Amino acid sequence: PAPAPLPAPRLGQAVTAAEVARWNGDVFPDGRGLPPGRGVAADGDALFRLHCQICHGPAGRGASAEELAGSNEPLTSETPDKTIGSYWPYATTLFDFIRRAKPMGAPGSLTADEVYALSAYLLSINGVIDAAQEMNART
C-alpha cells in the first residue's frame, strides 16, 4: 500500500478582504483603473530621496538597484540601458508597478498622490514629460 500523504504545512495567514482589495487594483495601458489623485515632479523628487534613492541612487542613476534614468546605450546595443526613458516610458505601467511594489520595505504603502508624484518625477528626469506637468488619471 502507498504511504499516507504528509499533512500540508500550516504556513502564512489568512488574507483579509482589505488586503485583497488593495492588491486587486489593476491599471490598464489606456488608464482604466487609475485612482483619483494628482502629483507633480517636485513632490516626487522629495519622495524619491526619502524612499528610493537608497537603492536607485541620486536622480535614479543607479546604486544597488537598477538605474532608472540616464540612459546612454540604446536597446539595440550589446549592453542596453533599460531605464524608464529608454525602455519603460508609459505612465500607466510605471504607476501600477510603483503602487504594487514600492517602496521595497513597504510595498503598497504609498498613497495615490505619492505614486502620481513619483511617476511624474521619474518621467520628468527621463525627459518624457515636463517637470511642471501634473500627473493624474487623465494625464
Protein backbone atom coordinates (compact mmCIF):
# COMPACT_ATOMS: atom_id res chain seq x y z
CA PRO A 1 0.00 0.00 0.00
CA ALA A 2 1.06 3.61 -0.67
CA PRO A 3 2.25 5.65 2.29
CA ALA A 4 -0.21 8.15 3.74
CA PRO A 5 0.26 11.69 2.38
CA LEU A 6 2.08 14.10 4.61
CA PRO A 7 -0.09 16.81 6.14
CA ALA A 8 0.17 20.20 4.45
CA PRO A 9 2.31 22.70 6.34
CA ARG A 10 0.47 25.49 8.06
CA LEU A 11 2.34 28.46 6.58
CA GLY A 12 1.25 32.07 6.27
CA GLN A 13 -2.00 33.57 7.40
CA ALA A 14 -5.46 34.15 6.01
CA VAL A 15 -5.77 37.08 3.62
CA THR A 16 -8.19 39.81 4.67
CA ALA A 17 -10.75 41.40 2.36
CA ALA A 18 -8.89 44.73 2.71
CA GLU A 19 -5.64 43.12 1.51
CA VAL A 20 -7.36 41.56 -1.48
CA ALA A 21 -8.95 44.90 -2.37
CA ARG A 22 -5.56 46.65 -2.16
CA TRP A 23 -3.89 44.06 -4.42
CA ASN A 24 -6.79 43.81 -6.86
CA GLY A 25 -6.40 47.28 -8.40
CA ASP A 26 -5.39 46.66 -11.99
CA VAL A 27 -4.31 49.62 -14.10
CA PHE A 28 -4.57 49.17 -17.86
CA PRO A 29 -2.46 50.90 -20.55
CA ASP A 30 -5.40 53.14 -21.51
CA GLY A 31 -5.70 54.41 -17.92
CA ARG A 32 -8.69 52.34 -16.81
CA GLY A 33 -8.28 51.52 -13.15
CA LEU A 34 -6.27 54.60 -12.19
CA PRO A 35 -7.46 56.04 -8.87
CA PRO A 36 -8.28 59.68 -8.18
CA GLY A 37 -5.27 61.73 -7.20
CA ARG A 38 -2.55 64.01 -8.53
CA GLY A 39 1.15 64.65 -8.25
CA VAL A 40 3.98 66.76 -9.64
CA ALA A 41 7.69 66.08 -10.10
CA ALA A 42 8.78 68.43 -7.31
CA ASP A 43 6.83 66.40 -4.76
CA GLY A 44 8.08 63.18 -6.37
CA ASP A 45 11.68 64.35 -6.02
CA ALA A 46 11.30 64.61 -2.24
CA LEU A 47 9.57 61.22 -2.10
CA PHE A 48 12.28 59.66 -4.28
CA ARG A 49 15.02 60.92 -1.97
CA LEU A 50 13.11 59.52 1.03
CA HIS A 51 12.04 56.12 -0.33
CA CYS A 52 14.01 55.28 -3.48
CA GLN A 53 17.42 56.95 -3.62
CA ILE A 54 18.99 54.49 -1.20
CA CYS A 55 18.67 51.72 -3.84
CA HIS A 56 18.36 53.58 -7.14
CA GLY A 57 20.93 56.32 -6.45
CA PRO A 58 20.69 60.11 -6.74
CA ALA A 59 18.36 61.13 -9.58
CA GLY A 60 17.82 57.46 -10.40
CA ARG A 61 21.34 56.99 -11.81
CA GLY A 62 21.83 53.61 -10.15
CA ALA A 63 23.16 52.20 -6.91
CA SER A 64 22.46 48.70 -5.57
CA ALA A 65 19.35 48.57 -7.77
CA GLU A 66 18.99 49.30 -11.48
CA GLU A 67 19.35 52.80 -12.84
CA LEU A 68 16.05 54.45 -13.65
CA ALA A 69 17.39 57.45 -15.60
CA GLY A 70 20.45 58.47 -17.57
CA SER A 71 20.27 56.05 -20.45
CA ASN A 72 23.35 56.16 -22.70
CA GLU A 73 23.10 52.87 -24.56
CA PRO A 74 20.11 52.22 -26.85
CA LEU A 75 18.13 48.98 -26.62
CA THR A 76 19.86 47.75 -29.79
CA SER A 77 23.28 47.94 -28.10
CA GLU A 78 25.19 44.92 -26.79
CA THR A 79 24.79 46.49 -23.32
CA PRO A 80 21.44 48.31 -23.45
CA ASP A 81 20.33 50.71 -20.72
CA LYS A 82 16.84 49.71 -19.67
CA THR A 83 15.87 52.93 -17.95
CA ILE A 84 12.38 54.39 -17.78
CA GLY A 85 13.15 56.77 -20.64
CA SER A 86 14.52 54.13 -22.99
CA TYR A 87 12.53 51.08 -22.04
CA TRP A 88 9.52 51.93 -19.90
CA PRO A 89 8.11 55.38 -20.75
CA TYR A 90 4.44 54.52 -20.11
CA ALA A 91 2.90 56.34 -17.19
CA THR A 92 0.24 53.69 -16.54
CA THR A 93 2.75 50.84 -16.31
CA LEU A 94 5.04 52.91 -14.13
CA PHE A 95 2.17 53.92 -11.82
CA ASP A 96 0.96 50.32 -11.46
CA PHE A 97 4.44 48.97 -10.66
CA ILE A 98 5.26 51.68 -8.12
CA ARG A 99 1.89 51.28 -6.41
CA ARG A 100 2.22 47.50 -6.11
CA ALA A 101 5.93 47.03 -5.41
CA LYS A 102 7.41 50.14 -3.84
CA PRO A 103 8.97 51.13 -1.58
CA MET A 104 10.84 47.88 -1.24
CA GLY A 105 10.40 47.64 2.52
CA ALA A 106 6.69 48.52 2.47
CA PRO A 107 5.10 47.69 -0.88
CA GLY A 108 1.65 49.15 -1.39
CA SER A 109 2.07 51.73 1.37
CA LEU A 110 2.17 54.86 -0.82
CA THR A 111 -0.93 56.94 -1.40
CA ALA A 112 -2.25 57.54 -4.91
CA ASP A 113 -0.98 61.14 -4.74
CA GLU A 114 2.51 59.91 -3.79
CA VAL A 115 2.54 57.40 -6.64
CA TYR A 116 1.41 60.08 -9.12
CA ALA A 117 4.18 62.36 -7.83
CA LEU A 118 6.86 59.66 -8.09
CA SER A 119 5.65 58.80 -11.60
CA ALA A 120 5.84 62.47 -12.59
CA TYR A 121 9.35 62.78 -11.16
CA LEU A 122 10.67 59.66 -12.87
CA LEU A 123 9.12 60.55 -16.22
CA SER A 124 10.46 64.10 -15.95
CA ILE A 125 14.08 63.12 -15.14
CA ASN A 126 13.92 60.87 -18.21
CA GLY A 127 12.71 63.71 -20.43
CA VAL A 128 9.35 62.05 -21.15
CA ILE A 129 7.28 64.87 -19.59
CA ASP A 130 7.94 68.41 -18.44
CA ALA A 131 8.73 68.72 -14.72
CA ALA A 132 5.80 71.09 -14.22
CA GLN A 133 3.22 68.70 -15.72
CA GLU A 134 0.71 67.34 -13.25
CA MET A 135 0.14 63.61 -13.32
CA ASN A 136 -3.39 62.38 -12.68
CA ALA A 137 -5.78 59.76 -14.09
CA ARG A 138 -6.41 61.88 -17.20
CA THR A 139 -2.81 62.93 -17.96
